[in-house]
Amino acid sequence: MVYCTECGTDNDENAEYCVKCGASLYPEKGRERRPEKRDLCFGLPHGNAIFGVILGIIIILWGAREIFHWNIDFGPFIVIIIGVLIVGGAIYRITSRS
């Protein structure tokens, strides 16, 4: 198996390009590199940390809402946050390919 240096996908030995991302599997002939492990969530590097911070903020605000009897609906905020993460991930993937 040949590992793609861009996305880490296993490819057949006779493949020249990655079946997942289309990157060249042999940028330098005769030298195979191990894939980099990227921690992606929502397409963002360390996106799970971003998601954790946002989730923590929501929990803190939710607790403050209960203590101070604020009348805030968090449903729209959660949808907006997830949308922003998805758009940010898409932009990151587009810009990181070049």
PDB file of N, CA and C in Angstrom:
ATOM      1  N   MET A   1       0.827  -1.182   0.000  1.00  0.00           N
ATOM      2  CA  MET A   1       0.000   0.000   0.000  1.00  0.00           C
ATOM      3  C   MET A   1       0.877   1.254   0.000  1.00  0.00           C
ATOM      4  N   VAL A   2       0.405   2.262  -0.656  1.00  0.00           N
ATOM      5  CA  VAL A   2       1.095   3.553  -0.706  1.00  0.00           C
ATOM      6  C   VAL A   2       0.204   4.556   0.011  1.00  0.00           C
ATOM      7  N   TYR A   3       0.799   5.276   0.947  1.00  0.00           N
ATOM      8  CA  TYR A   3       0.056   6.285   1.688  1.00  0.00           C
ATOM      9  C   TYR A   3       0.156   7.625   0.976  1.00  0.00           C
ATOM     10  N   CYS A   4      -0.972   8.333   0.909  1.00  0.00           N
ATOM     11  CA  CYS A   4      -0.985   9.681   0.345  1.00  0.00           C
ATOM     12  C   CYS A   4      -0.371  10.640   1.366  1.00  0.00           C
ATOM     13  N   THR A   5       0.538  11.479   0.926  1.00  0.00           N
ATOM     14  CA  THR A   5       1.183  12.429   1.836  1.00  0.00           C
ATOM     15  C   THR A   5       0.277  13.606   2.181  1.00  0.00           C
ATOM     16  N   GLU A   6      -0.807  13.778   1.438  1.00  0.00           N
ATOM     17  CA  GLU A   6      -1.728  14.893   1.696  1.00  0.00           C
ATOM     18  C   GLU A   6      -2.829  14.516   2.682  1.00  0.00           C
ATOM     19  N   CYS A   7      -3.476  13.346   2.470  1.00  0.00           N
ATOM     20  CA  CYS A   7      -4.639  12.999   3.289  1.00  0.00           C
ATOM     21  C   CYS A   7      -4.475  11.705   4.070  1.00  0.00           C
ATOM     22  N   GLY A   8      -3.406  10.921   3.803  1.00  0.00           N
ATOM     23  CA  GLY A   8      -3.155   9.708   4.561  1.00  0.00           C
ATOM     24  C   GLY A   8      -3.910   8.478   4.091  1.00  0.00           C
ATOM     25  N   THR A   9      -4.583   8.562   2.957  1.00  0.00           N
ATOM     26  CA  THR A   9      -5.363   7.444   2.437  1.00  0.00           C
ATOM     27  C   THR A   9      -4.448   6.353   1.894  1.00  0.00           C
ATOM     28  N   ASP A  10      -4.822   5.073   2.144  1.00  0.00           N
ATOM     29  CA  ASP A  10      -4.109   3.938   1.554  1.00  0.00           C
ATOM     30  C   ASP A  10      -4.502   3.814   0.093  1.00  0.00           C
ATOM     31  N   ASN A  11      -3.524   3.659  -0.789  1.00  0.00           N
ATOM     32  CA  ASN A  11      -3.765   3.506  -2.218  1.00  0.00           C
ATOM     33  C   ASN A  11      -3.051   2.251  -2.709  1.00  0.00           C
ATOM     34  N   ASP A  12      -3.475   1.716  -3.854  1.00  0.00           N
ATOM     35  CA  ASP A  12      -2.815   0.559  -4.451  1.00  0.00           C
ATOM     36  C   ASP A  12      -1.389   0.911  -4.837  1.00  0.00           C
ATOM     37  N   GLU A  13      -0.548  -0.109  -4.900  1.00  0.00           N
ATOM     38  CA  GLU A  13       0.866   0.087  -5.237  1.00  0.00           C
ATOM     39  C   GLU A  13       1.068   0.718  -6.615  1.00  0.00           C
ATOM     40  N   ASN A  14       0.201   0.384  -7.568  1.00  0.00           N
ATOM     41  CA  ASN A  14       0.390   0.887  -8.929  1.00  0.00           C
ATOM     42  C   ASN A  14      -0.297   2.230  -9.175  1.00  0.00           C
ATOM     43  N   ALA A  15      -0.934   2.808  -8.173  1.00  0.00           N
ATOM     44  CA  ALA A  15      -1.606   4.091  -8.343  1.00  0.00           C
ATOM     45  C   ALA A  15      -0.583   5.227  -8.374  1.00  0.00           C
ATOM     46  N   GLU A  16      -0.827   6.202  -9.252  1.00  0.00           N
ATOM     47  CA  GLU A  16       0.044   7.371  -9.322  1.00  0.00           C
ATOM     48  C   GLU A  16      -0.537   8.554  -8.560  1.00  0.00           C
ATOM     49  N   TYR A  17      -1.874   8.574  -8.443  1.00  0.00           N
ATOM     50  CA  TYR A  17      -2.564   9.667  -7.768  1.00  0.00           C
ATOM     51  C   TYR A  17      -3.490   9.094  -6.703  1.00  0.00           C
ATOM     52  N   CYS A  18      -3.711   9.848  -5.643  1.00  0.00           N
ATOM     53  CA  CYS A  18      -4.559   9.414  -4.534  1.00  0.00           C
ATOM     54  C   CYS A  18      -6.012   9.292  -4.995  1.00  0.00           C
ATOM     55  N   VAL A  19      -6.658   8.204  -4.583  1.00  0.00           N
ATOM     56  CA  VAL A  19      -8.054   7.990  -4.966  1.00  0.00           C
ATOM     57  C   VAL A  19      -8.989   8.929  -4.220  1.00  0.00           C
ATOM     58  N   LYS A  20      -8.550   9.482  -3.089  1.00  0.00           N
ATOM     59  CA  LYS A  20      -9.417  10.363  -2.309  1.00  0.00           C
ATOM     60  C   LYS A  20      -9.252  11.832  -2.674  1.00  0.00           C
ATOM     61  N   CYS A  21      -7.997  12.317  -2.668  1.00  0.00           N
ATOM     62  CA  CYS A  21      -7.792  13.758  -2.874  1.00  0.00           C
ATOM     63  C   CYS A  21      -7.146  14.099  -4.212  1.00  0.00           C
ATOM     64  N   GLY A  22      -6.645  13.103  -4.950  1.00  0.00           N
ATOM     65  CA  GLY A  22      -6.070  13.351  -6.265  1.00  0.00           C
ATOM     66  C   GLY A  22      -4.621  13.819  -6.257  1.00  0.00           C
ATOM     67  N   ALA A  23      -3.987  13.870  -5.089  1.00  0.00           N
ATOM     68  CA  ALA A  23      -2.598  14.325  -5.003  1.00  0.00           C
ATOM     69  C   ALA A  23      -1.665  13.267  -5.599  1.00  0.00           C
ATOM     70  N   SER A  24      -0.534  13.718  -6.119  1.00  0.00           N
ATOM     71  CA  SER A  24       0.470  12.804  -6.663  1.00  0.00           C
ATOM     72  C   SER A  24       1.057  11.978  -5.525  1.00  0.00           C
ATOM     73  N   LEU A  25       1.102  10.656  -5.702  1.00  0.00           N
ATOM     74  CA  LEU A  25       1.633   9.771  -4.672  1.00  0.00           C
ATOM     75  C   LEU A  25       3.154   9.710  -4.687  1.00  0.00           C
ATOM     76  N   TYR A  26       3.765  10.111  -5.786  1.00  0.00           N
ATOM     77  CA  TYR A  26       5.218  10.069  -5.923  1.00  0.00           C
ATOM     78  C   TYR A  26       5.749  11.419  -6.385  1.00  0.00           C
ATOM     79  N   PRO A  27       5.686  12.448  -5.517  1.00  0.00           N
ATOM     80  CA  PRO A  27       6.207  13.748  -5.930  1.00  0.00           C
ATOM     81  C   PRO A  27       7.706  13.691  -6.211  1.00  0.00           C
ATOM     82  N   GLU A  28       8.406  12.853  -5.471  1.00  0.00           N
ATOM     83  CA  GLU A  28       9.832  12.624  -5.709  1.00  0.00           C
ATOM     84  C   GLU A  28       9.985  11.126  -5.927  1.00  0.00           C
ATOM     85  N   LYS A  29      10.245  10.697  -7.151  1.00  0.00           N
ATOM     86  CA  LYS A  29      10.330   9.270  -7.477  1.00  0.00           C
ATOM     87  C   LYS A  29      11.352   8.571  -6.592  1.00  0.00           C
ATOM     88  N   GLY A  30      10.995   7.364  -6.154  1.00  0.00           N
ATOM     89  CA  GLY A  30      11.906   6.542  -5.376  1.00  0.00           C
ATOM     90  C   GLY A  30      11.938   6.859  -3.899  1.00  0.00           C
ATOM     91  N   ARG A  31      11.152   7.809  -3.465  1.00  0.00           N
ATOM     92  CA  ARG A  31      11.166   8.182  -2.053  1.00  0.00           C
ATOM     93  C   ARG A  31       9.733   8.263  -1.541  1.00  0.00           C
ATOM     94  N   GLU A  32       9.355   7.310  -0.728  1.00  0.00           N
ATOM     95  CA  GLU A  32       7.999   7.277  -0.188  1.00  0.00           C
ATOM     96  C   GLU A  32       7.991   7.905   1.196  1.00  0.00           C
ATOM     97  N   ARG A  33       7.049   8.814   1.430  1.00  0.00           N
ATOM     98  CA  ARG A  33       6.942   9.466   2.728  1.00  0.00           C
ATOM     99  C   ARG A  33       5.730   8.934   3.471  1.00  0.00           C
ATOM    100  N   ARG A  34       5.807   8.909   4.774  1.00  0.00           N
ATOM    101  CA  ARG A  34       4.679   8.504   5.606  1.00  0.00           C
ATOM    102  C   ARG A  34       3.701   9.674   5.686  1.00  0.00           C
ATOM    103  N   PRO A  35       2.429   9.373   5.788  1.00  0.00           N
ATOM    104  CA  PRO A  35       1.445  10.453   5.835  1.00  0.00           C
ATOM    105  C   PRO A  35       1.516  11.233   7.137  1.00  0.00           C
ATOM    106  N   GLU A  36       1.172  12.497   7.046  1.00  0.00           N
ATOM    107  CA  GLU A  36       1.056  13.318   8.243  1.00  0.00           C
ATOM    108  C   GLU A  36      -0.326  13.066   8.826  1.00  0.00           C
ATOM    109  N   LYS A  37      -0.374  12.899  10.103  1.00  0.00           N
ATOM    110  CA  LYS A  37      -1.661  12.723  10.761  1.00  0.00           C
ATOM    111  C   LYS A  37      -2.185  14.108  11.113  1.00  0.00           C
ATOM    112  N   ARG A  38      -3.297  14.442  10.551  1.00  0.00           N
ATOM    113  CA  ARG A  38      -3.907  15.743  10.832  1.00  0.00           C
ATOM    114  C   ARG A  38      -5.121  15.537  11.707  1.00  0.00           C
ATOM    115  N   ASP A  39      -5.266  16.383  12.686  1.00  0.00           N
ATOM    116  CA  ASP A  39      -6.396  16.331  13.587  1.00  0.00           C
ATOM    117  C   ASP A  39      -7.440  17.304  13.047  1.00  0.00           C
ATOM    118  N   LEU A  40      -8.361  16.790  12.244  1.00  0.00           N
ATOM    119  CA  LEU A  40      -9.352  17.646  11.615  1.00  0.00           C
ATOM    120  C   LEU A  40     -10.741  17.361  12.171  1.00  0.00           C
ATOM    121  N   CYS A  41     -11.464  18.401  12.440  1.00  0.00           N
ATOM    122  CA  CYS A  41     -12.859  18.313  12.814  1.00  0.00           C
ATOM    123  C   CYS A  41     -13.541  19.504  12.149  1.00  0.00           C
ATOM    124  N   PHE A  42     -14.586  19.265  11.434  1.00  0.00           N
ATOM    125  CA  PHE A  42     -15.224  20.277  10.606  1.00  0.00           C
ATOM    126  C   PHE A  42     -14.247  20.785   9.544  1.00  0.00           C
ATOM    127  N   GLY A  43     -13.250  19.985   9.192  1.00  0.00           N
ATOM    128  CA  GLY A  43     -12.275  20.373   8.179  1.00  0.00           C
ATOM    129  C   GLY A  43     -11.188  21.304   8.676  1.00  0.00           C
ATOM    130  N   LEU A  44     -11.204  21.619   9.952  1.00  0.00           N
ATOM    131  CA  LEU A  44     -10.225  22.549  10.523  1.00  0.00           C
ATOM    132  C   LEU A  44      -9.186  21.794  11.337  1.00  0.00           C
ATOM    133  N   PRO A  45      -7.919  22.213  11.257  1.00  0.00           N
ATOM    134  CA  PRO A  45      -6.934  21.570  12.125  1.00  0.00           C
ATOM    135  C   PRO A  45      -7.262  21.892  13.581  1.00  0.00           C
ATOM    136  N   HIS A  46      -7.217  20.904  14.418  1.00  0.00           N
ATOM    137  CA  HIS A  46      -7.578  21.034  15.828  1.00  0.00           C
ATOM    138  C   HIS A  46      -9.000  21.582  15.983  1.00  0.00           C
ATOM    139  N   GLY A  47      -9.854  21.219  15.044  1.00  0.00           N
ATOM    140  CA  GLY A  47     -11.243  21.684  15.078  1.00  0.00           C
ATOM    141  C   GLY A  47     -11.998  21.158  16.274  1.00  0.00           C
ATOM    142  N   ASN A  48     -11.598  19.981  16.762  1.00  0.00           N
ATOM    143  CA  ASN A  48     -12.272  19.468  17.951  1.00  0.00           C
ATOM    144  C   ASN A  48     -12.004  20.371  19.147  1.00  0.00           C
ATOM    145  N   ALA A  49     -10.848  21.016  19.213  1.00  0.00           N
ATOM    146  CA  ALA A  49     -10.566  21.959  20.298  1.00  0.00           C
ATOM    147  C   ALA A  49     -11.447  23.200  20.155  1.00  0.00           C
ATOM    148  N   ILE A  50     -11.613  23.663  18.923  1.00  0.00           N
ATOM    149  CA  ILE A  50     -12.480  24.822  18.677  1.00  0.00           C
ATOM    150  C   ILE A  50     -13.905  24.493  19.103  1.00  0.00           C
ATOM    151  N   PHE A  51     -14.353  23.303  18.707  1.00  0.00           N
ATOM    152  CA  PHE A  51     -15.709  22.873  19.050  1.00  0.00           C
ATOM    153  C   PHE A  51     -15.856  22.767  20.563  1.00  0.00           C
ATOM    154  N   GLY A  52     -14.834  22.268  21.248  1.00  0.00           N
ATOM    155  CA  GLY A  52     -14.880  22.149  22.700  1.00  0.00           C
ATOM    156  C   GLY A  52     -14.972  23.502  23.389  1.00  0.00           C
ATOM    157  N   VAL A  53     -14.218  24.470  22.895  1.00  0.00           N
ATOM    158  CA  VAL A  53     -14.264  25.821  23.472  1.00  0.00           C
ATOM    159  C   VAL A  53     -15.656  26.426  23.292  1.00  0.00           C
ATOM    160  N   ILE A  54     -16.202  26.285  22.097  1.00  0.00           N
ATOM    161  CA  ILE A  54     -17.534  26.844  21.830  1.00  0.00           C
ATOM    162  C   ILE A  54     -18.582  26.145  22.677  1.00  0.00           C
ATOM    163  N   LEU A  55     -18.483  24.822  22.783  1.00  0.00           N
ATOM    164  CA  LEU A  55     -19.427  24.076  23.612  1.00  0.00           C
ATOM    165  C   LEU A  55     -19.307  24.502  25.077  1.00  0.00           C
ATOM    166  N   GLY A  56     -18.084  24.722  25.552  1.00  0.00           N
ATOM    167  CA  GLY A  56     -17.889  25.202  26.918  1.00  0.00           C
ATOM    168  C   GLY A  56     -18.523  26.556  27.158  1.00  0.00           C
ATOM    169  N   ILE A  57     -18.370  27.449  26.185  1.00  0.00           N
ATOM    170  CA  ILE A  57     -18.983  28.778  26.309  1.00  0.00           C
ATOM    171  C   ILE A  57     -20.499  28.672  26.363  1.00  0.00           C
ATOM    172  N   ILE A  58     -21.067  27.808  25.533  1.00  0.00           N
ATOM    173  CA  ILE A  58     -22.526  27.620  25.536  1.00  0.00           C
ATOM    174  C   ILE A  58     -22.990  27.086  26.885  1.00  0.00           C
ATOM    175  N   ILE A  59     -22.255  26.127  27.451  1.00  0.00           N
ATOM    176  CA  ILE A  59     -22.633  25.574  28.754  1.00  0.00           C
ATOM    177  C   ILE A  59     -22.540  26.638  29.842  1.00  0.00           C
ATOM    178  N   ILE A  60     -21.499  27.458  29.813  1.00  0.00           N
ATOM    179  CA  ILE A  60     -21.363  28.538  30.796  1.00  0.00           C
ATOM    180  C   ILE A  60     -22.520  29.525  30.671  1.00  0.00           C
ATOM    181  N   LEU A  61     -22.847  29.912  29.426  1.00  0.00           N
ATOM    182  CA  LEU A  61     -23.962  30.844  29.231  1.00  0.00           C
ATOM    183  C   LEU A  61     -25.290  30.227  29.657  1.00  0.00           C
ATOM    184  N   TRP A  62     -25.440  28.935  29.400  1.00  0.00           N
ATOM    185  CA  TRP A  62     -26.663  28.250  29.790  1.00  0.00           C
ATOM    186  C   TRP A  62     -26.798  28.261  31.320  1.00  0.00           C
ATOM    187  N   GLY A  63     -25.697  28.002  32.022  1.00  0.00           N
ATOM    188  CA  GLY A  63     -25.727  28.060  33.483  1.00  0.00           C
ATOM    189  C   GLY A  63     -26.019  29.458  33.987  1.00  0.00           C
ATOM    190  N   ALA A  64     -25.402  30.464  33.370  1.00  0.00           N
ATOM    191  CA  ALA A  64     -25.657  31.861  33.760  1.00  0.00           C
ATOM    192  C   ALA A  64     -27.117  32.226  33.505  1.00  0.00           C
ATOM    193  N   ARG A  65     -27.671  31.687  32.430  1.00  0.00           N
ATOM    194  CA  ARG A  65     -29.085  31.941  32.110  1.00  0.00           C
ATOM    195  C   ARG A  65     -29.986  31.416  33.229  1.00  0.00           C
ATOM    196  N   GLU A  66     -29.647  30.221  33.749  1.00  0.00           N
ATOM    197  CA  GLU A  66     -30.460  29.639  34.811  1.00  0.00           C
ATOM    198  C   GLU A  66     -30.289  30.408  36.125  1.00  0.00           C
ATOM    199  N   ILE A  67     -29.070  30.833  36.412  1.00  0.00           N
ATOM    200  CA  ILE A  67     -28.817  31.555  37.666  1.00  0.00           C
ATOM    201  C   ILE A  67     -29.474  32.935  37.654  1.00  0.00           C
ATOM    202  N   PHE A  68     -29.309  33.670  36.545  1.00  0.00           N
ATOM    203  CA  PHE A  68     -29.798  35.046  36.476  1.00  0.00           C
ATOM    204  C   PHE A  68     -31.174  35.168  35.819  1.00  0.00           C
ATOM    205  N   HIS A  69     -31.785  34.049  35.479  1.00  0.00           N
ATOM    206  CA  HIS A  69     -33.128  34.003  34.876  1.00  0.00           C
ATOM    207  C   HIS A  69     -33.230  34.817  33.589  1.00  0.00           C
ATOM    208  N   TRP A  70     -32.177  34.689  32.740  1.00  0.00           N
ATOM    209  CA  TRP A  70     -32.213  35.324  31.429  1.00  0.00           C
ATOM    210  C   TRP A  70     -33.145  34.541  30.527  1.00  0.00           C
ATOM    211  N   ASN A  71     -33.781  35.226  29.604  1.00  0.00           N
ATOM    212  CA  ASN A  71     -34.690  34.568  28.661  1.00  0.00           C
ATOM    213  C   ASN A  71     -34.008  34.512  27.290  1.00  0.00           C
ATOM    214  N   ILE A  72     -33.077  33.552  27.133  1.00  0.00           N
ATOM    215  CA  ILE A  72     -32.308  33.412  25.892  1.00  0.00           C
ATOM    216  C   ILE A  72     -32.570  32.030  25.310  1.00  0.00           C
ATOM    217  N   ASP A  73     -32.853  31.987  23.997  1.00  0.00           N
ATOM    218  CA  ASP A  73     -33.018  30.713  23.297  1.00  0.00           C
ATOM    219  C   ASP A  73     -31.707  30.396  22.581  1.00  0.00           C
ATOM    220  N   PHE A  74     -31.044  29.289  22.944  1.00  0.00           N
ATOM    221  CA  PHE A  74     -29.737  28.948  22.391  1.00  0.00           C
ATOM    222  C   PHE A  74     -29.812  28.174  21.080  1.00  0.00           C
ATOM    223  N   GLY A  75     -30.983  27.728  20.665  1.00  0.00           N
ATOM    224  CA  GLY A  75     -31.116  26.945  19.426  1.00  0.00           C
ATOM    225  C   GLY A  75     -30.514  27.625  18.203  1.00  0.00           C
ATOM    226  N   PRO A  76     -30.896  28.876  17.899  1.00  0.00           N
ATOM    227  CA  PRO A  76     -30.316  29.550  16.734  1.00  0.00           C
ATOM    228  C   PRO A  76     -28.806  29.760  16.843  1.00  0.00           C
ATOM    229  N   PHE A  77     -28.302  30.005  18.049  1.00  0.00           N
ATOM    230  CA  PHE A  77     -26.859  30.195  18.227  1.00  0.00           C
ATOM    231  C   PHE A  77     -26.082  28.922  17.901  1.00  0.00           C
ATOM    232  N   ILE A  78     -26.613  27.781  18.318  1.00  0.00           N
ATOM    233  CA  ILE A  78     -25.946  26.507  18.045  1.00  0.00           C
ATOM    234  C   ILE A  78     -25.900  26.235  16.551  1.00  0.00           C
ATOM    235  N   VAL A  79     -26.987  26.500  15.845  1.00  0.00           N
ATOM    236  CA  VAL A  79     -27.023  26.297  14.394  1.00  0.00           C
ATOM    237  C   VAL A  79     -26.027  27.226  13.702  1.00  0.00           C
ATOM    238  N   ILE A  80     -25.956  28.478  14.128  1.00  0.00           N
ATOM    239  CA  ILE A  80     -25.022  29.437  13.542  1.00  0.00           C
ATOM    240  C   ILE A  80     -23.576  28.993  13.789  1.00  0.00           C
ATOM    241  N   ILE A  81     -23.263  28.534  14.984  1.00  0.00           N
ATOM    242  CA  ILE A  81     -21.905  28.098  15.306  1.00  0.00           C
ATOM    243  C   ILE A  81     -21.500  26.909  14.453  1.00  0.00           C
ATOM    244  N   ILE A  82     -22.376  25.925  14.315  1.00  0.00           N
ATOM    245  CA  ILE A  82     -22.064  24.761  13.480  1.00  0.00           C
ATOM    246  C   ILE A  82     -21.878  25.187  12.027  1.00  0.00           C
ATOM    247  N   GLY A  83     -22.711  26.087  11.545  1.00  0.00           N
ATOM    248  CA  GLY A  83     -22.569  26.593  10.178  1.00  0.00           C
ATOM    249  C   GLY A  83     -21.246  27.308   9.965  1.00  0.00           C
ATOM    250  N   VAL A  84     -20.842  28.125  10.922  1.00  0.00           N
ATOM    251  CA  VAL A  84     -19.568  28.845  10.821  1.00  0.00           C
ATOM    252  C   VAL A  84     -18.404  27.853  10.798  1.00  0.00           C
ATOM    253  N   LEU A  85     -18.455  26.814  11.628  1.00  0.00           N
ATOM    254  CA  LEU A  85     -17.402  25.803  11.634  1.00  0.00           C
ATOM    255  C   LEU A  85     -17.316  25.070  10.297  1.00  0.00           C
ATOM    256  N   ILE A  86     -18.442  24.726   9.711  1.00  0.00           N
ATOM    257  CA  ILE A  86     -18.444  24.020   8.430  1.00  0.00           C
ATOM    258  C   ILE A  86     -17.894  24.920   7.325  1.00  0.00           C
ATOM    259  N   VAL A  87     -18.321  26.178   7.276  1.00  0.00           N
ATOM    260  CA  VAL A  87     -17.812  27.111   6.266  1.00  0.00           C
ATOM    261  C   VAL A  87     -16.311  27.351   6.471  1.00  0.00           C
ATOM    262  N   GLY A  88     -15.893  27.513   7.719  1.00  0.00           N
ATOM    263  CA  GLY A  88     -14.468  27.695   8.004  1.00  0.00           C
ATOM    264  C   GLY A  88     -13.648  26.498   7.568  1.00  0.00           C
ATOM    265  N   GLY A  89     -14.163  25.294   7.795  1.00  0.00           N
ATOM    266  CA  GLY A  89     -13.477  24.084   7.355  1.00  0.00           C
ATOM    267  C   GLY A  89     -13.365  23.995   5.854  1.00  0.00           C
ATOM    268  N   ALA A  90     -14.434  24.376   5.152  1.00  0.00           N
ATOM    269  CA  ALA A  90     -14.395  24.350   3.688  1.00  0.00           C
ATOM    270  C   ALA A  90     -13.374  25.355   3.157  1.00  0.00           C
ATOM    271  N   ILE A  91     -13.340  26.544   3.722  1.00  0.00           N
ATOM    272  CA  ILE A  91     -12.370  27.560   3.290  1.00  0.00           C
ATOM    273  C   ILE A  91     -10.950  27.091   3.585  1.00  0.00           C
ATOM    274  N   TYR A  92     -10.722  26.488   4.744  1.00  0.00           N
ATOM    275  CA  TYR A  92      -9.393  25.994   5.085  1.00  0.00           C
ATOM    276  C   TYR A  92      -8.938  24.921   4.089  1.00  0.00           C
ATOM    277  N   ARG A  93      -9.824  23.984   3.771  1.00  0.00           N
ATOM    278  CA  ARG A  93      -9.450  22.919   2.834  1.00  0.00           C
ATOM    279  C   ARG A  93      -9.140  23.468   1.451  1.00  0.00           C
ATOM    280  N   ILE A  94      -9.905  24.446   1.010  1.00  0.00           N
ATOM    281  CA  ILE A  94      -9.652  25.034  -0.318  1.00  0.00           C
ATOM    282  C   ILE A  94      -8.298  25.751  -0.331  1.00  0.00           C
ATOM    283  N   THR A  95      -8.014  26.517   0.722  1.00  0.00           N
ATOM    284  CA  THR A  95      -6.756  27.286   0.744  1.00  0.00           C
ATOM    285  C   THR A  95      -5.545  26.416   1.051  1.00  0.00           C
ATOM    286  N   SER A  96      -5.719  25.284   1.757  1.00  0.00           N
ATOM    287  CA  SER A  96      -4.563  24.456   2.096  1.00  0.00           C
ATOM    288  C   SER A  96      -4.117  23.570   0.933  1.00  0.00           C
ATOM    289  N   ARG A  97      -4.906  23.420  -0.102  1.00  0.00           N
ATOM    290  CA  ARG A  97      -4.544  22.597  -1.259  1.00  0.00           C
ATOM    291  C   ARG A  97      -3.556  23.293  -2.172  1.00  0.00           C
ATOM    292  N   SER A  98      -3.520  24.615  -2.106  1.00  0.00           N
ATOM    293  CA  SER A  98      -2.616  25.338  -3.019  1.00  0.00           C
ATOM    294  C   SER A  98      -1.258  25.539  -2.451  1.00  0.00           C
TER     295      SER A  98
END
